[in-house]
Protein backbone atom coordinates (compact mmCIF):
# COMPACT_ATOMS: atom_id res chain seq x y z
CA MET A 1 14.87 -7.72 -15.09
CA LEU A 2 16.09 -4.06 -14.31
CA HIS A 3 18.95 -4.59 -16.49
CA VAL A 4 16.70 -5.40 -19.42
CA LEU A 5 14.55 -2.44 -18.65
CA GLN A 6 17.33 0.21 -18.16
CA PRO A 7 17.07 1.60 -21.65
CA ILE A 8 13.44 2.46 -20.93
CA ILE A 9 13.61 3.38 -17.31
CA PRO A 10 16.91 4.98 -16.46
CA ILE A 11 17.82 3.59 -13.18
CA ASP A 12 21.45 3.73 -12.00
CA LYS A 13 23.16 0.42 -10.71
CA SER A 14 23.80 2.08 -7.44
CA ASP A 15 20.18 2.77 -7.11
CA ILE A 16 19.41 -1.05 -7.62
CA LEU A 17 22.16 -1.90 -5.11
CA GLU A 18 20.79 0.59 -2.54
CA SER A 19 17.33 -0.75 -2.87
CA ILE A 20 18.65 -4.36 -2.49
CA LYS A 21 20.69 -3.45 0.73
CA ASN A 22 17.43 -1.82 2.26
CA LEU A 23 15.32 -4.74 1.25
CA LYS A 24 17.59 -7.03 3.26
CA GLY A 25 17.26 -4.90 6.41
CA ILE A 26 13.51 -4.74 6.24
CA SER A 27 13.21 -8.59 5.52
CA GLU A 28 15.09 -9.09 8.78
CA LYS A 29 12.64 -7.07 10.53
CA ILE A 30 9.23 -8.43 9.04
CA ASN A 31 9.65 -12.03 7.72
CA SER A 32 7.80 -14.90 9.20
CA ASN A 33 10.53 -15.82 11.56
CA LYS A 34 9.96 -12.55 13.42
CA ILE A 35 6.36 -13.06 14.64
CA SER A 36 6.43 -10.44 17.49
CA ALA A 37 4.96 -7.23 18.58
CA ASP A 38 7.85 -5.22 17.25
CA ASN A 39 7.49 -6.54 13.61
CA PRO A 40 6.51 -3.38 11.57
CA ALA A 41 4.32 -5.52 9.21
CA ILE A 42 2.38 -7.19 12.05
CA GLU A 43 1.92 -3.94 13.82
CA ILE A 44 0.32 -2.34 10.80
CA ALA A 45 -1.95 -5.40 10.30
CA GLU A 46 -2.90 -5.31 14.04
CA TRP A 47 -3.93 -1.56 13.69
CA ILE A 48 -6.24 -2.29 10.65
CA ASN A 49 -9.71 -3.16 11.92
CA HIS A 50 -11.94 -1.54 9.27
CA PRO A 51 -11.40 -0.85 5.56
CA PRO A 52 -8.56 1.46 4.92
CA ILE A 53 -8.31 4.59 2.82
CA ILE A 54 -4.70 4.96 1.76
CA TYR A 55 -3.58 8.49 1.07
CA TYR A 56 -0.15 8.90 -0.87
CA PRO A 57 1.96 11.44 -2.42
CA TRP A 58 2.39 11.40 -6.19
CA GLY A 59 5.82 9.59 -6.28
CA LEU A 60 4.50 6.64 -4.00
CA LYS A 61 1.13 6.12 -6.07
CA SER A 62 2.53 2.59 -7.30
CA ALA A 63 3.18 1.36 -3.74
CA ALA A 64 -0.43 2.79 -2.76
CA ILE A 65 -1.93 0.94 -5.61
CA ARG A 66 -0.22 -2.35 -4.83
CA TYR A 67 -1.12 -2.13 -1.10
CA LYS A 68 -4.66 -1.69 -1.93
CA ASN A 69 -4.64 -4.65 -4.23
CA SER A 70 -2.78 -6.85 -1.52
CA ILE A 71 -5.15 -6.04 1.06
CA GLN A 72 -8.10 -6.91 -1.30
CA GLU A 73 -6.62 -10.00 -2.66
CA ASN A 74 -5.01 -11.33 0.74
CA ALA A 75 -7.22 -10.10 3.56
CA LYS A 76 -10.48 -9.84 1.26
CA MET A 77 -11.12 -6.35 2.51
CA GLN A 78 -12.42 -3.33 0.56
CA THR A 79 -9.67 -0.65 0.53
CA MET A 80 -9.52 2.72 -1.23
CA ILE A 81 -6.65 5.15 -2.26
CA GLU A 82 -6.49 8.78 -2.85
CA ASP A 83 -3.69 11.30 -3.71
CA VAL A 84 -2.88 13.52 -0.56
CA ILE A 85 -3.23 16.65 -2.52
CA GLU A 86 -6.66 15.69 -4.18
CA SER A 87 -8.01 14.41 -0.90
CA SER A 88 -8.00 17.98 0.44
CA HIS A 89 -10.74 18.84 -2.12
CA ASN A 90 -13.79 16.37 -2.30
CA GLY A 91 -12.26 13.43 -0.54
CA ILE A 92 -11.95 15.03 2.88
CA VAL A 93 -15.73 15.72 3.22
CA VAL A 94 -16.32 11.92 3.92
CA TRP A 95 -14.67 12.57 7.23
CA ASP A 96 -17.20 15.05 8.36
CA LYS A 97 -19.67 12.08 9.32
CA LYS A 98 -18.71 9.23 11.31
CA ASN A 99 -17.59 6.11 9.24
CA ASN A 100 -15.91 2.82 9.58
CA PHE A 101 -12.83 3.60 7.33
CA GLN A 102 -9.55 3.97 8.83
CA PRO A 103 -7.06 6.53 7.10
CA ILE A 104 -3.57 5.46 6.38
CA LEU A 105 -1.15 8.10 5.44
CA LEU A 106 1.60 6.70 3.27
CA ARG A 107 4.40 9.14 3.44
CA GLY A 108 7.71 9.65 1.57
CA GLN A 109 10.92 10.41 3.66
CA ASP A 110 11.49 13.67 1.61
CA ASP A 111 8.16 14.65 0.21
CA TYR A 112 7.90 17.79 -1.40
CA GLU A 113 7.24 20.94 1.20
CA THR A 114 3.90 21.36 -0.29
CA THR A 115 3.11 17.67 0.19
CA LYS A 116 4.56 17.90 3.89
CA GLU A 117 2.36 20.79 4.36
CA ARG A 118 -0.73 18.91 3.21
CA TRP A 119 0.06 15.96 5.56
CA GLU A 120 0.31 18.29 8.66
CA ILE A 121 -3.13 19.87 7.63
CA LEU A 122 -4.68 16.44 7.24
CA LYS A 123 -3.29 15.20 10.35
CA GLU A 124 -4.52 18.35 12.25
CA PHE A 125 -7.98 17.81 10.59
CA PHE A 126 -8.12 14.08 11.84
CA LYS A 127 -7.09 15.19 15.17
CA SER A 128 -9.93 17.85 15.36
CA LYS A 129 -12.38 15.02 14.56
CA LYS A 130 -10.75 12.64 16.77
CA ILE A 131 -10.00 10.11 13.92
CA ASP A 132 -7.36 7.75 14.50
CA HIS A 133 -4.87 7.34 11.70
CA LYS A 134 -1.67 5.46 10.98
CA GLU A 135 1.38 6.93 9.46
CA ILE A 136 3.62 4.70 7.42
CA VAL A 137 6.90 6.38 6.19
CA SER A 138 9.06 5.13 3.50
CA GLN A 139 12.90 4.28 3.75
CA LYS A 140 15.44 6.81 3.08
CA GLY A 141 17.05 6.76 -0.35
CA ASN A 142 16.20 6.92 -3.78
CA ILE A 143 12.53 6.53 -5.25
CA LEU A 144 13.41 2.88 -6.21
CA THR A 145 14.28 1.98 -2.47
CA LYS A 146 11.34 3.70 -1.27
CA ILE A 147 8.74 1.80 -3.42
CA ILE A 148 10.38 -1.48 -3.46
CA CYS A 149 10.76 -1.47 0.45
CA LEU A 150 7.29 -0.17 0.89
CA ILE A 151 5.63 -2.60 -1.21
CA TYR A 152 7.57 -5.38 0.53
CA LEU A 153 6.52 -4.16 4.00
CA LEU A 154 2.95 -3.59 2.88
CA ASP A 155 2.61 -6.80 1.13
CA TYR A 156 3.75 -8.63 4.48
CA SER A 157 1.13 -6.60 6.46
CA SER A 158 -1.63 -7.57 4.11
CA ILE A 159 -0.83 -11.28 4.77
CA TYR A 160 -0.62 -10.74 8.54
CA LEU A 161 -4.00 -8.91 8.27
CA ALA A 162 -5.43 -11.92 6.52
CA VAL A 163 -4.05 -14.21 9.26
CA LYS A 164 -5.45 -11.93 11.81
CA LEU A 165 -8.96 -11.96 10.39
CA GLY A 166 -8.72 -15.87 9.92
CA ILE A 167 -8.88 -15.35 6.41
CA ASP A 168 -6.97 -17.75 3.90
CA PRO A 169 -5.28 -15.37 1.35
CA THR A 170 -4.75 -17.93 -1.33
CA PRO A 171 -8.07 -18.62 -2.81
CA VAL A 172 -9.23 -15.92 -5.31
CA ASP A 173 -12.43 -17.27 -6.41
CA ALA A 174 -13.76 -13.82 -7.75
CA ILE A 175 -10.78 -13.48 -9.80
CA ASN A 176 -11.21 -17.10 -11.07
CA PHE A 177 -14.89 -16.40 -11.89
CA VAL A 178 -13.96 -13.35 -14.06
CA LYS A 179 -11.04 -15.13 -15.86
CA ASN A 180 -13.40 -17.84 -16.76
CA ARG A 181 -15.97 -15.68 -18.01
CA LEU A 182 -13.47 -13.76 -20.09
CA THR A 183 -11.99 -17.04 -21.22
CA ASN A 184 -15.57 -18.16 -22.53
CA GLN A 185 -16.20 -14.93 -23.98
CA PHE A 186 -13.03 -15.17 -26.03
CA GLN A 187 -13.73 -18.42 -27.21
CA THR A 188 -17.18 -17.39 -28.14
CA ASP A 189 -15.79 -14.24 -30.15
CA ARG A 190 -13.17 -16.52 -31.87
CA ASN A 191 -15.92 -18.93 -33.03
CA TYR A 192 -17.77 -16.24 -34.96
């Protein structure tokens, strides 16, 4: 697929090979044959007890969106995302009062200096308010490696979260409801 998309998305073959190598390493740590406390995906799932707010840097937005969608679909838990830079404006005020959200900081290994500064300020703020937060840091490497490896780790954690909560991740009744309504609407529109 990446070969077909290469004219549109300029990705070096070395980036693809690096991401596959790192993905194999993560797979050995998080797959369902490694059900133990030192499994990073299980450790993330065990930490989540309330709806998370996932903070992300601009380059990892796709991983944050995917994680939000995976938690919502698999664990049936409401989840929100917010850019770490934007969070320092209006988004941070929600933490002035007690709530049931849990902040997750989705960080890149080599975020920009201004982003690193923002992470430190946000962590300092959470510490001052005694707000427990979770940091999840990407693999080292190119952007493809970071995104693919994060998505893999976080998808697994959303499934482990569903298991922890006693939720079957497979039924998607709400999605099926919407699809059926859209199909019926499409059929009605075609008949006119």
